[in-house]
Amino acid sequence: TYPNLHMGYEHKAKRFLGFTHNRFEGVGCQGSGGNILIKPFSGDVKQ
């Protein structure tokens, strides 16, 4: 999501950047993982 927290997600956020495929749950250093971002689109890639 945007904005995101350590795990790439904020529950209150509405805007999504896509989906990622790993994360180390609950850790510090502002998080880690987030490999392979996949964003679906319909009509416009930038939508």
ModelCIF file with pLDDT and N, C-alpha, C, O atoms, coordinates in Angstrom:
data_MODEL
#
_entry.id   MODEL 
#
_entity.id                         1 
_entity.type                       polymer 
_entity.pdbx_number_of_molecules   1 
#
_entity_poly.entity_id                      1 
_entity_poly.type                           'polypeptide(L)' 
_entity_poly.nstd_linkage                   no 
_entity_poly.nstd_monomer                   no 
_entity_poly.pdbx_seq_one_letter_code       TYPNLHMGYEHKAKRFLGFTHNRFEGVGCQGSGGNILIKPFSGDVKQ 
_entity_poly.pdbx_seq_one_letter_code_can   TYPNLHMGYEHKAKRFLGFTHNRFEGVGCQGSGGNILIKPFSGDVKQ 
_entity_poly.pdbx_strand_id                 A 
#
loop_
_entity_poly_seq.entity_id 
_entity_poly_seq.num 
_entity_poly_seq.mon_id 
_entity_poly_seq.hetero 
1 1  THR n 
1 2  TYR n 
1 3  PRO n 
1 4  ASN n 
1 5  LEU n 
1 6  HIS n 
1 7  MET n 
1 8  GLY n 
1 9  TYR n 
1 10 GLU n 
1 11 HIS n 
1 12 LYS n 
1 13 ALA n 
1 14 LYS n 
1 15 ARG n 
1 16 PHE n 
1 17 LEU n 
1 18 GLY n 
1 19 PHE n 
1 20 THR n 
1 21 HIS n 
1 22 ASN n 
1 23 ARG n 
1 24 PHE n 
1 25 GLU n 
1 26 GLY n 
1 27 VAL n 
1 28 GLY n 
1 29 CYS n 
1 30 GLN n 
1 31 GLY n 
1 32 SER n 
1 33 GLY n 
1 34 GLY n 
1 35 ASN n 
1 36 ILE n 
1 37 LEU n 
1 38 ILE n 
1 39 LYS n 
1 40 PRO n 
1 41 PHE n 
1 42 SER n 
1 43 GLY n 
1 44 ASP n 
1 45 VAL n 
1 46 LYS n 
1 47 GLN n 
#
_struct_asym.id          A 
_struct_asym.entity_id   1 
#
loop_
_ma_qa_metric.id 
_ma_qa_metric.mode 
_ma_qa_metric.name 
_ma_qa_metric.software_group_id 
_ma_qa_metric.type 
1 global pLDDT . pLDDT 
2 local  pLDDT . pLDDT 
#
_ma_qa_metric_global.metric_id      1 
_ma_qa_metric_global.metric_value   93.43 
_ma_qa_metric_global.model_id       1 
_ma_qa_metric_global.ordinal_id     1 
#
loop_
_ma_qa_metric_local.label_asym_id 
_ma_qa_metric_local.label_comp_id 
_ma_qa_metric_local.label_seq_id 
_ma_qa_metric_local.metric_id 
_ma_qa_metric_local.metric_value 
_ma_qa_metric_local.model_id 
_ma_qa_metric_local.ordinal_id 
A THR 1  2 97.00 1 1  
A TYR 2  2 95.00 1 2  
A PRO 3  2 88.00 1 3  
A ASN 4  2 79.00 1 4  
A LEU 5  2 80.00 1 5  
A HIS 6  2 84.00 1 6  
A MET 7  2 85.00 1 7  
A GLY 8  2 91.00 1 8  
A TYR 9  2 94.00 1 9  
A GLU 10 2 95.00 1 10 
A HIS 11 2 96.00 1 11 
A LYS 12 2 96.00 1 12 
A ALA 13 2 96.00 1 13 
A LYS 14 2 97.00 1 14 
A ARG 15 2 98.00 1 15 
A PHE 16 2 98.00 1 16 
A LEU 17 2 98.00 1 17 
A GLY 18 2 98.00 1 18 
A PHE 19 2 98.00 1 19 
A THR 20 2 98.00 1 20 
A HIS 21 2 98.00 1 21 
A ASN 22 2 97.00 1 22 
A ARG 23 2 96.00 1 23 
A PHE 24 2 94.00 1 24 
A GLU 25 2 94.00 1 25 
A GLY 26 2 87.00 1 26 
A VAL 27 2 90.00 1 27 
A GLY 28 2 83.00 1 28 
A CYS 29 2 87.00 1 29 
A GLN 30 2 86.00 1 30 
A GLY 31 2 86.00 1 31 
A SER 32 2 91.00 1 32 
A GLY 33 2 95.00 1 33 
A GLY 34 2 96.00 1 34 
A ASN 35 2 98.00 1 35 
A ILE 36 2 98.00 1 36 
A LEU 37 2 98.00 1 37 
A ILE 38 2 98.00 1 38 
A LYS 39 2 98.00 1 39 
A PRO 40 2 98.00 1 40 
A PHE 41 2 98.00 1 41 
A SER 42 2 97.00 1 42 
A GLY 43 2 94.00 1 43 
A ASP 44 2 93.00 1 44 
A VAL 45 2 94.00 1 45 
A LYS 46 2 93.00 1 46 
A GLN 47 2 93.00 1 47 
#
loop_
_atom_site.group_PDB 
_atom_site.id 
_atom_site.type_symbol 
_atom_site.label_atom_id 
_atom_site.label_alt_id 
_atom_site.label_comp_id 
_atom_site.label_asym_id 
_atom_site.label_entity_id 
_atom_site.label_seq_id 
_atom_site.pdbx_PDB_ins_code 
_atom_site.Cartn_x 
_atom_site.Cartn_y 
_atom_site.Cartn_z 
_atom_site.occupancy 
_atom_site.B_iso_or_equiv 
_atom_site.pdbx_formal_charge 
_atom_site.auth_seq_id 
_atom_site.auth_comp_id 
_atom_site.auth_asym_id 
_atom_site.auth_atom_id 
_atom_site.pdbx_PDB_model_num 
ATOM 1   N N  . THR A 1 1  ? 0.826  -1.208  0.000   1.00 97.00 ? 1  THR A N  1 
ATOM 2   C CA . THR A 1 1  ? 0.000  0.000   0.000   1.00 97.00 ? 1  THR A CA 1 
ATOM 3   C C  . THR A 1 1  ? 0.861  1.259   0.000   1.00 97.00 ? 1  THR A C  1 
ATOM 4   O O  . THR A 1 1  ? 2.071  1.223   0.221   1.00 97.00 ? 1  THR A O  1 
ATOM 5   N N  . TYR A 1 2  ? 0.181  2.367   -0.258  1.00 95.00 ? 2  TYR A N  1 
ATOM 6   C CA . TYR A 1 2  ? 0.805  3.676   -0.073  1.00 95.00 ? 2  TYR A CA 1 
ATOM 7   C C  . TYR A 1 2  ? -0.106 4.511   0.815   1.00 95.00 ? 2  TYR A C  1 
ATOM 8   O O  . TYR A 1 2  ? -1.278 4.698   0.487   1.00 95.00 ? 2  TYR A O  1 
ATOM 9   N N  . PRO A 1 3  ? 0.414  5.024   1.946   1.00 88.00 ? 3  PRO A N  1 
ATOM 10  C CA . PRO A 1 3  ? 1.754  4.749   2.469   1.00 88.00 ? 3  PRO A CA 1 
ATOM 11  C C  . PRO A 1 3  ? 1.824  3.344   3.055   1.00 88.00 ? 3  PRO A C  1 
ATOM 12  O O  . PRO A 1 3  ? 0.799  2.693   3.254   1.00 88.00 ? 3  PRO A O  1 
ATOM 13  N N  . ASN A 1 4  ? 3.026  2.889   3.326   1.00 79.00 ? 4  ASN A N  1 
ATOM 14  C CA . ASN A 1 4  ? 3.203  1.543   3.843   1.00 79.00 ? 4  ASN A CA 1 
ATOM 15  C C  . ASN A 1 4  ? 3.949  1.572   5.173   1.00 79.00 ? 4  ASN A C  1 
ATOM 16  O O  . ASN A 1 4  ? 4.623  2.547   5.507   1.00 79.00 ? 4  ASN A O  1 
ATOM 17  N N  . LEU A 1 5  ? 3.813  0.485   5.916   1.00 80.00 ? 5  LEU A N  1 
ATOM 18  C CA . LEU A 1 5  ? 4.578  0.279   7.139   1.00 80.00 ? 5  LEU A CA 1 
ATOM 19  C C  . LEU A 1 5  ? 5.693  -0.726  6.857   1.00 80.00 ? 5  LEU A C  1 
ATOM 20  O O  . LEU A 1 5  ? 6.010  -1.007  5.702   1.00 80.00 ? 5  LEU A O  1 
ATOM 21  N N  . HIS A 1 6  ? 6.287  -1.267  7.931   1.00 84.00 ? 6  HIS A N  1 
ATOM 22  C CA . HIS A 1 6  ? 7.435  -2.163  7.771   1.00 84.00 ? 6  HIS A CA 1 
ATOM 23  C C  . HIS A 1 6  ? 7.139  -3.347  6.855   1.00 84.00 ? 6  HIS A C  1 
ATOM 24  O O  . HIS A 1 6  ? 8.009  -3.781  6.100   1.00 84.00 ? 6  HIS A O  1 
ATOM 25  N N  . MET A 1 7  ? 5.910  -3.873  6.918   1.00 85.00 ? 7  MET A N  1 
ATOM 26  C CA . MET A 1 7  ? 5.552  -5.065  6.142   1.00 85.00 ? 7  MET A CA 1 
ATOM 27  C C  . MET A 1 7  ? 4.970  -4.726  4.772   1.00 85.00 ? 7  MET A C  1 
ATOM 28  O O  . MET A 1 7  ? 4.510  -5.613  4.054   1.00 85.00 ? 7  MET A O  1 
ATOM 29  N N  . GLY A 1 8  ? 4.991  -3.447  4.411   1.00 91.00 ? 8  GLY A N  1 
ATOM 30  C CA . GLY A 1 8  ? 4.486  -3.033  3.108   1.00 91.00 ? 8  GLY A CA 1 
ATOM 31  C C  . GLY A 1 8  ? 3.015  -2.675  3.093   1.00 91.00 ? 8  GLY A C  1 
ATOM 32  O O  . GLY A 1 8  ? 2.464  -2.339  2.045   1.00 91.00 ? 8  GLY A O  1 
ATOM 33  N N  . TYR A 1 9  ? 2.373  -2.747  4.256   1.00 94.00 ? 9  TYR A N  1 
ATOM 34  C CA . TYR A 1 9  ? 0.915  -2.590  4.310   1.00 94.00 ? 9  TYR A CA 1 
ATOM 35  C C  . TYR A 1 9  ? 0.519  -1.684  5.468   1.00 94.00 ? 9  TYR A C  1 
ATOM 36  O O  . TYR A 1 9  ? 1.101  -1.748  6.551   1.00 94.00 ? 9  TYR A O  1 
ATOM 37  N N  . GLU A 1 10 ? -0.474 -0.844  5.224   1.00 95.00 ? 10 GLU A N  1 
ATOM 38  C CA . GLU A 1 10 ? -1.121 -0.046  6.273   1.00 95.00 ? 10 GLU A CA 1 
ATOM 39  C C  . GLU A 1 10 ? -2.617 -0.284  6.170   1.00 95.00 ? 10 GLU A C  1 
ATOM 40  O O  . GLU A 1 10 ? -3.218 -0.061  5.119   1.00 95.00 ? 10 GLU A O  1 
ATOM 41  N N  . HIS A 1 11 ? -3.214 -0.735  7.259   1.00 96.00 ? 11 HIS A N  1 
ATOM 42  C CA . HIS A 1 11 ? -4.623 -1.129  7.246   1.00 96.00 ? 11 HIS A CA 1 
ATOM 43  C C  . HIS A 1 11 ? -5.550 0.007   6.804   1.00 96.00 ? 11 HIS A C  1 
ATOM 44  O O  . HIS A 1 11 ? -6.558 -0.234  6.139   1.00 96.00 ? 11 HIS A O  1 
ATOM 45  N N  . LYS A 1 12 ? -5.211 1.228   7.168   1.00 96.00 ? 12 LYS A N  1 
ATOM 46  C CA . LYS A 1 12 ? -6.078 2.358   6.847   1.00 96.00 ? 12 LYS A CA 1 
ATOM 47  C C  . LYS A 1 12 ? -5.860 2.890   5.431   1.00 96.00 ? 12 LYS A C  1 
ATOM 48  O O  . LYS A 1 12 ? -6.667 3.680   4.941   1.00 96.00 ? 12 LYS A O  1 
ATOM 49  N N  . ALA A 1 13 ? -4.788 2.471   4.774   1.00 96.00 ? 13 ALA A N  1 
ATOM 50  C CA . ALA A 1 13 ? -4.470 2.990   3.441   1.00 96.00 ? 13 ALA A CA 1 
ATOM 51  C C  . ALA A 1 13 ? -5.484 2.497   2.406   1.00 96.00 ? 13 ALA A C  1 
ATOM 52  O O  . ALA A 1 13 ? -5.959 1.364   2.479   1.00 96.00 ? 13 ALA A O  1 
ATOM 53  N N  . LYS A 1 14 ? -5.800 3.348   1.459   1.00 97.00 ? 14 LYS A N  1 
ATOM 54  C CA . LYS A 1 14 ? -6.717 3.012   0.378   1.00 97.00 ? 14 LYS A CA 1 
ATOM 55  C C  . LYS A 1 14 ? -5.987 2.694   -0.930  1.00 97.00 ? 14 LYS A C  1 
ATOM 56  O O  . LYS A 1 14 ? -6.448 1.870   -1.720  1.00 97.00 ? 14 LYS A O  1 
ATOM 57  N N  . ARG A 1 15 ? -4.856 3.347   -1.148  1.00 98.00 ? 15 ARG A N  1 
ATOM 58  C CA . ARG A 1 15 ? -4.134 3.205   -2.412  1.00 98.00 ? 15 ARG A CA 1 
ATOM 59  C C  . ARG A 1 15 ? -3.195 2.001   -2.347  1.00 98.00 ? 15 ARG A C  1 
ATOM 60  O O  . ARG A 1 15 ? -2.377 1.881   -1.436  1.00 98.00 ? 15 ARG A O  1 
ATOM 61  N N  . PHE A 1 16 ? -3.332 1.111   -3.336  1.00 98.00 ? 16 PHE A N  1 
ATOM 62  C CA . PHE A 1 16 ? -2.494 -0.084  -3.423  1.00 98.00 ? 16 PHE A CA 1 
ATOM 63  C C  . PHE A 1 16 ? -1.508 0.065   -4.587  1.00 98.00 ? 16 PHE A C  1 
ATOM 64  O O  . PHE A 1 16 ? -1.849 0.578   -5.652  1.00 98.00 ? 16 PHE A O  1 
ATOM 65  N N  . LEU A 1 17 ? -0.275 -0.401  -4.349  1.00 98.00 ? 17 LEU A N  1 
ATOM 66  C CA . LEU A 1 17 ? 0.735  -0.429  -5.404  1.00 98.00 ? 17 LEU A CA 1 
ATOM 67  C C  . LEU A 1 17 ? 0.808  -1.793  -6.078  1.00 98.00 ? 17 LEU A C  1 
ATOM 68  O O  . LEU A 1 17 ? 1.434  -1.946  -7.126  1.00 98.00 ? 17 LEU A O  1 
ATOM 69  N N  . GLY A 1 18 ? 0.165  -2.779  -5.470  1.00 98.00 ? 18 GLY A N  1 
ATOM 70  C CA . GLY A 1 18 ? 0.184  -4.135  -6.001  1.00 98.00 ? 18 GLY A CA 1 
ATOM 71  C C  . GLY A 1 18 ? 0.327  -5.148  -4.887  1.00 98.00 ? 18 GLY A C  1 
ATOM 72  O O  . GLY A 1 18 ? -0.105 -4.913  -3.759  1.00 98.00 ? 18 GLY A O  1 
ATOM 73  N N  . PHE A 1 19 ? 0.946  -6.295  -5.216  1.00 98.00 ? 19 PHE A N  1 
ATOM 74  C CA . PHE A 1 19 ? 1.115  -7.375  -4.244  1.00 98.00 ? 19 PHE A CA 1 
ATOM 75  C C  . PHE A 1 19 ? 2.566  -7.871  -4.301  1.00 98.00 ? 19 PHE A C  1 
ATOM 76  O O  . PHE A 1 19 ? 3.138  -8.021  -5.381  1.00 98.00 ? 19 PHE A O  1 
ATOM 77  N N  . THR A 1 20 ? 3.144  -8.119  -3.137  1.00 98.00 ? 20 THR A N  1 
ATOM 78  C CA . THR A 1 20 ? 4.510  -8.656  -3.068  1.00 98.00 ? 20 THR A CA 1 
ATOM 79  C C  . THR A 1 20 ? 4.471  -10.047 -2.446  1.00 98.00 ? 20 THR A C  1 
ATOM 80  O O  . THR A 1 20 ? 3.433  -10.475 -1.942  1.00 98.00 ? 20 THR A O  1 
ATOM 81  N N  . HIS A 1 21 ? 5.606  -10.756 -2.480  1.00 98.00 ? 21 HIS A N  1 
ATOM 82  C CA . HIS A 1 21 ? 5.580  -12.196 -2.257  1.00 98.00 ? 21 HIS A CA 1 
ATOM 83  C C  . HIS A 1 21 ? 6.464  -12.708 -1.126  1.00 98.00 ? 21 HIS A C  1 
ATOM 84  O O  . HIS A 1 21 ? 6.674  -13.915 -1.012  1.00 98.00 ? 21 HIS A O  1 
ATOM 85  N N  . ASN A 1 22 ? 6.970  -11.841 -0.315  1.00 97.00 ? 22 ASN A N  1 
ATOM 86  C CA . ASN A 1 22 ? 7.619  -12.251 0.936   1.00 97.00 ? 22 ASN A CA 1 
ATOM 87  C C  . ASN A 1 22 ? 7.773  -11.041 1.844   1.00 97.00 ? 22 ASN A C  1 
ATOM 88  O O  . ASN A 1 22 ? 7.769  -9.897  1.391   1.00 97.00 ? 22 ASN A O  1 
ATOM 89  N N  . ARG A 1 23 ? 7.906  -11.316 3.124   1.00 96.00 ? 23 ARG A N  1 
ATOM 90  C CA . ARG A 1 23 ? 8.145  -10.270 4.133   1.00 96.00 ? 23 ARG A CA 1 
ATOM 91  C C  . ARG A 1 23 ? 8.534  -10.998 5.415   1.00 96.00 ? 23 ARG A C  1 
ATOM 92  O O  . ARG A 1 23 ? 8.084  -12.117 5.662   1.00 96.00 ? 23 ARG A O  1 
ATOM 93  N N  . PHE A 1 24 ? 9.368  -10.361 6.223   1.00 94.00 ? 24 PHE A N  1 
ATOM 94  C CA . PHE A 1 24 ? 9.732  -10.937 7.522   1.00 94.00 ? 24 PHE A CA 1 
ATOM 95  C C  . PHE A 1 24 ? 8.851  -10.267 8.563   1.00 94.00 ? 24 PHE A C  1 
ATOM 96  O O  . PHE A 1 24 ? 9.089  -9.119  8.940   1.00 94.00 ? 24 PHE A O  1 
ATOM 97  N N  . GLU A 1 25 ? 7.835  -10.983 9.026   1.00 94.00 ? 25 GLU A N  1 
ATOM 98  C CA . GLU A 1 25 ? 6.789  -10.390 9.851   1.00 94.00 ? 25 GLU A CA 1 
ATOM 99  C C  . GLU A 1 25 ? 7.325  -9.831  11.172  1.00 94.00 ? 25 GLU A C  1 
ATOM 100 O O  . GLU A 1 25 ? 8.049  -10.499 11.911  1.00 94.00 ? 25 GLU A O  1 
ATOM 101 N N  . GLY A 1 26 ? 6.941  -8.582  11.435  1.00 87.00 ? 26 GLY A N  1 
ATOM 102 C CA . GLY A 1 26 ? 7.134  -7.994  12.750  1.00 87.00 ? 26 GLY A CA 1 
ATOM 103 C C  . GLY A 1 26 ? 8.504  -7.446  13.059  1.00 87.00 ? 26 GLY A C  1 
ATOM 104 O O  . GLY A 1 26 ? 8.747  -7.044  14.196  1.00 87.00 ? 26 GLY A O  1 
ATOM 105 N N  . VAL A 1 27 ? 9.417  -7.410  12.097  1.00 90.00 ? 27 VAL A N  1 
ATOM 106 C CA . VAL A 1 27 ? 10.792 -7.024  12.421  1.00 90.00 ? 27 VAL A CA 1 
ATOM 107 C C  . VAL A 1 27 ? 11.018 -5.527  12.229  1.00 90.00 ? 27 VAL A C  1 
ATOM 108 O O  . VAL A 1 27 ? 10.206 -4.830  11.619  1.00 90.00 ? 27 VAL A O  1 
ATOM 109 N N  . GLY A 1 28 ? 12.137 -5.055  12.764  1.00 83.00 ? 28 GLY A N  1 
ATOM 110 C CA . GLY A 1 28 ? 12.470 -3.643  12.705  1.00 83.00 ? 28 GLY A CA 1 
ATOM 111 C C  . GLY A 1 28 ? 13.252 -3.266  11.457  1.00 83.00 ? 28 GLY A C  1 
ATOM 112 O O  . GLY A 1 28 ? 13.108 -3.892  10.407  1.00 83.00 ? 28 GLY A O  1 
ATOM 113 N N  . CYS A 1 29 ? 14.083 -2.235  11.583  1.00 87.00 ? 29 CYS A N  1 
ATOM 114 C CA . CYS A 1 29 ? 14.842 -1.693  10.456  1.00 87.00 ? 29 CYS A CA 1 
ATOM 115 C C  . CYS A 1 29 ? 13.923 -1.327  9.293   1.00 87.00 ? 29 CYS A C  1 
ATOM 116 O O  . CYS A 1 29 ? 14.321 -1.402  8.130   1.00 87.00 ? 29 CYS A O  1 
ATOM 117 N N  . GLN A 1 30 ? 12.699 -0.932  9.612   1.00 86.00 ? 30 GLN A N  1 
ATOM 118 C CA . GLN A 1 30 ? 11.699 -0.507  8.628   1.00 86.00 ? 30 GLN A CA 1 
ATOM 119 C C  . GLN A 1 30 ? 11.271 -1.625  7.686   1.00 86.00 ? 30 GLN A C  1 
ATOM 120 O O  . GLN A 1 30 ? 10.734 -1.374  6.607   1.00 86.00 ? 30 GLN A O  1 
ATOM 121 N N  . GLY A 1 31 ? 11.518 -2.870  8.110   1.00 86.00 ? 31 GLY A N  1 
ATOM 122 C CA . GLY A 1 31 ? 10.992 -4.007  7.371   1.00 86.00 ? 31 GLY A CA 1 
ATOM 123 C C  . GLY A 1 31 ? 11.918 -4.540  6.299   1.00 86.00 ? 31 GLY A C  1 
ATOM 124 O O  . GLY A 1 31 ? 12.868 -3.877  5.883   1.00 86.00 ? 31 GLY A O  1 
ATOM 125 N N  . SER A 1 32 ? 11.621 -5.759  5.858   1.00 91.00 ? 32 SER A N  1 
ATOM 126 C CA . SER A 1 32 ? 12.412 -6.343  4.772   1.00 91.00 ? 32 SER A CA 1 
ATOM 127 C C  . SER A 1 32 ? 11.596 -7.402  4.047   1.00 91.00 ? 32 SER A C  1 
ATOM 128 O O  . SER A 1 32 ? 10.647 -7.968  4.590   1.00 91.00 ? 32 SER A O  1 
ATOM 129 N N  . GLY A 1 33 ? 11.990 -7.650  2.818   1.00 95.00 ? 33 GLY A N  1 
ATOM 130 C CA . GLY A 1 33 ? 11.248 -8.527  1.921   1.00 95.00 ? 33 GLY A CA 1 
ATOM 131 C C  . GLY A 1 33 ? 10.667 -7.699  0.792   1.00 95.00 ? 33 GLY A C  1 
ATOM 132 O O  . GLY A 1 33 ? 11.341 -6.819  0.258   1.00 95.00 ? 33 GLY A O  1 
ATOM 133 N N  . GLY A 1 34 ? 9.437  -7.969  0.429   1.00 96.00 ? 34 GLY A N  1 
ATOM 134 C CA . GLY A 1 34 ? 8.779  -7.180  -0.610  1.00 96.00 ? 34 GLY A CA 1 
ATOM 135 C C  . GLY A 1 34 ? 9.218  -7.504  -2.018  1.00 96.00 ? 34 GLY A C  1 
ATOM 136 O O  . GLY A 1 34 ? 9.111  -6.661  -2.908  1.00 96.00 ? 34 GLY A O  1 
ATOM 137 N N  . ASN A 1 35 ? 9.715  -8.718  -2.238  1.00 98.00 ? 35 ASN A N  1 
ATOM 138 C CA . ASN A 1 35 ? 10.141 -9.101  -3.587  1.00 98.00 ? 35 ASN A CA 1 
ATOM 139 C C  . ASN A 1 35 ? 8.943  -9.367  -4.499  1.00 98.00 ? 35 ASN A C  1 
ATOM 140 O O  . ASN A 1 35 ? 7.858  -9.734  -4.047  1.00 98.00 ? 35 ASN A O  1 
ATOM 141 N N  . ILE A 1 36 ? 9.181  -9.168  -5.803  1.00 98.00 ? 36 ILE A N  1 
ATOM 142 C CA . ILE A 1 36 ? 8.248  -9.478  -6.889  1.00 98.00 ? 36 ILE A CA 1 
ATOM 143 C C  . ILE A 1 36 ? 6.930  -8.723  -6.690  1.00 98.00 ? 36 ILE A C  1 
ATOM 144 O O  . ILE A 1 36 ? 5.936  -9.290  -6.235  1.00 98.00 ? 36 ILE A O  1 
ATOM 145 N N  . LEU A 1 37 ? 6.944  -7.454  -7.035  1.00 98.00 ? 37 LEU A N  1 
ATOM 146 C CA . LEU A 1 37 ? 5.725  -6.644  -6.995  1.00 98.00 ? 37 LEU A CA 1 
ATOM 147 C C  . LEU A 1 37 ? 4.910  -6.907  -8.259  1.00 98.00 ? 37 LEU A C  1 
ATOM 148 O O  . LEU A 1 37 ? 5.416  -6.761  -9.372  1.00 98.00 ? 37 LEU A O  1 
ATOM 149 N N  . ILE A 1 38 ? 3.659  -7.290  -8.084  1.00 98.00 ? 38 ILE A N  1 
ATOM 150 C CA . ILE A 1 38 ? 2.752  -7.528  -9.203  1.00 98.00 ? 38 ILE A CA 1 
ATOM 151 C C  . ILE A 1 38 ? 1.531  -6.632  -9.026  1.00 98.00 ? 38 ILE A C  1 
ATOM 152 O O  . ILE A 1 38 ? 0.824  -6.719  -8.022  1.00 98.00 ? 38 ILE A O  1 
ATOM 153 N N  . LYS A 1 39 ? 1.292  -5.765  -10.020 1.00 98.00 ? 39 LYS A N  1 
ATOM 154 C CA . LYS A 1 39 ? 0.154  -4.850  -9.974  1.00 98.00 ? 39 LYS A CA 1 
ATOM 155 C C  . LYS A 1 39 ? -0.776 -5.146  -11.149 1.00 98.00 ? 39 LYS A C  1 
ATOM 156 O O  . LYS A 1 39 ? -0.367 -5.026  -12.304 1.00 98.00 ? 39 LYS A O  1 
ATOM 157 N N  . PRO A 1 40 ? -2.027 -5.534  -10.866 1.00 98.00 ? 40 PRO A N  1 
ATOM 158 C CA . PRO A 1 40 ? -2.985 -5.723  -11.958 1.00 98.00 ? 40 PRO A CA 1 
ATOM 159 C C  . PRO A 1 40 ? -3.472 -4.374  -12.477 1.00 98.00 ? 40 PRO A C  1 
ATOM 160 O O  . PRO A 1 40 ? -3.555 -3.410  -11.716 1.00 98.00 ? 40 PRO A O  1 
ATOM 161 N N  . PHE A 1 41 ? -3.794 -4.300  -13.767 1.00 98.00 ? 41 PHE A N  1 
ATOM 162 C CA . PHE A 1 41 ? -4.358 -3.059  -14.308 1.00 98.00 ? 41 PHE A CA 1 
ATOM 163 C C  . PHE A 1 41 ? -5.459 -3.393  -15.317 1.00 98.00 ? 41 PHE A C  1 
ATOM 164 O O  . PHE A 1 41 ? -5.515 -4.486  -15.880 1.00 98.00 ? 41 PHE A O  1 
ATOM 165 N N  . SER A 1 42 ? -6.310 -2.425  -15.512 1.00 97.00 ? 42 SER A N  1 
ATOM 166 C CA . SER A 1 42 ? -7.393 -2.572  -16.489 1.00 97.00 ? 42 SER A CA 1 
ATOM 167 C C  . SER A 1 42 ? -7.473 -1.302  -17.313 1.00 97.00 ? 42 SER A C  1 
ATOM 168 O O  . SER A 1 42 ? -7.937 -0.266  -16.835 1.00 97.00 ? 42 SER A O  1 
ATOM 169 N N  . GLY A 1 43 ? -7.021 -1.387  -18.552 1.00 94.00 ? 43 GLY A N  1 
ATOM 170 C CA . GLY A 1 43 ? -7.051 -0.244  -19.456 1.00 94.00 ? 43 GLY A CA 1 
ATOM 171 C C  . GLY A 1 43 ? -5.776 0.566   -19.423 1.00 94.00 ? 43 GLY A C  1 
ATOM 172 O O  . GLY A 1 43 ? -5.136 0.741   -20.460 1.00 94.00 ? 43 GLY A O  1 
ATOM 173 N N  . ASP A 1 44 ? -5.389 1.062   -18.273 1.00 93.00 ? 44 ASP A N  1 
ATOM 174 C CA . ASP A 1 44 ? -4.242 1.953   -18.145 1.00 93.00 ? 44 ASP A CA 1 
ATOM 175 C C  . ASP A 1 44 ? -3.293 1.410   -17.083 1.00 93.00 ? 44 ASP A C  1 
ATOM 176 O O  . ASP A 1 44 ? -3.679 1.223   -15.929 1.00 93.00 ? 44 ASP A O  1 
ATOM 177 N N  . VAL A 1 45 ? -2.046 1.157   -17.483 1.00 94.00 ? 45 VAL A N  1 
ATOM 178 C CA . VAL A 1 45 ? -1.051 0.625   -16.541 1.00 94.00 ? 45 VAL A CA 1 
ATOM 179 C C  . VAL A 1 45 ? -0.882 1.540   -15.340 1.00 94.00 ? 45 VAL A C  1 
ATOM 180 O O  . VAL A 1 45 ? -0.650 1.068   -14.227 1.00 94.00 ? 45 VAL A O  1 
ATOM 181 N N  . LYS A 1 46 ? -0.995 2.839   -15.555 1.00 93.00 ? 46 LYS A N  1 
ATOM 182 C CA . LYS A 1 46 ? -0.743 3.803   -14.489 1.00 93.00 ? 46 LYS A CA 1 
ATOM 183 C C  . LYS A 1 46 ? -1.974 4.094   -13.626 1.00 93.00 ? 46 LYS A C  1 
ATOM 184 O O  . LYS A 1 46 ? -1.903 4.872   -12.675 1.00 93.00 ? 46 LYS A O  1 
ATOM 185 N N  . GLN A 1 47 ? -3.090 3.470   -13.963 1.00 93.00 ? 47 GLN A N  1 
ATOM 186 C CA . GLN A 1 47 ? -4.298 3.714   -13.181 1.00 93.00 ? 47 GLN A CA 1 
ATOM 187 C C  . GLN A 1 47 ? -4.106 3.254   -11.732 1.00 93.00 ? 47 GLN A C  1 
ATOM 188 O O  . GLN A 1 47 ? -5.021 3.379   -10.919 1.00 93.00 ? 47 GLN A O  1 
#
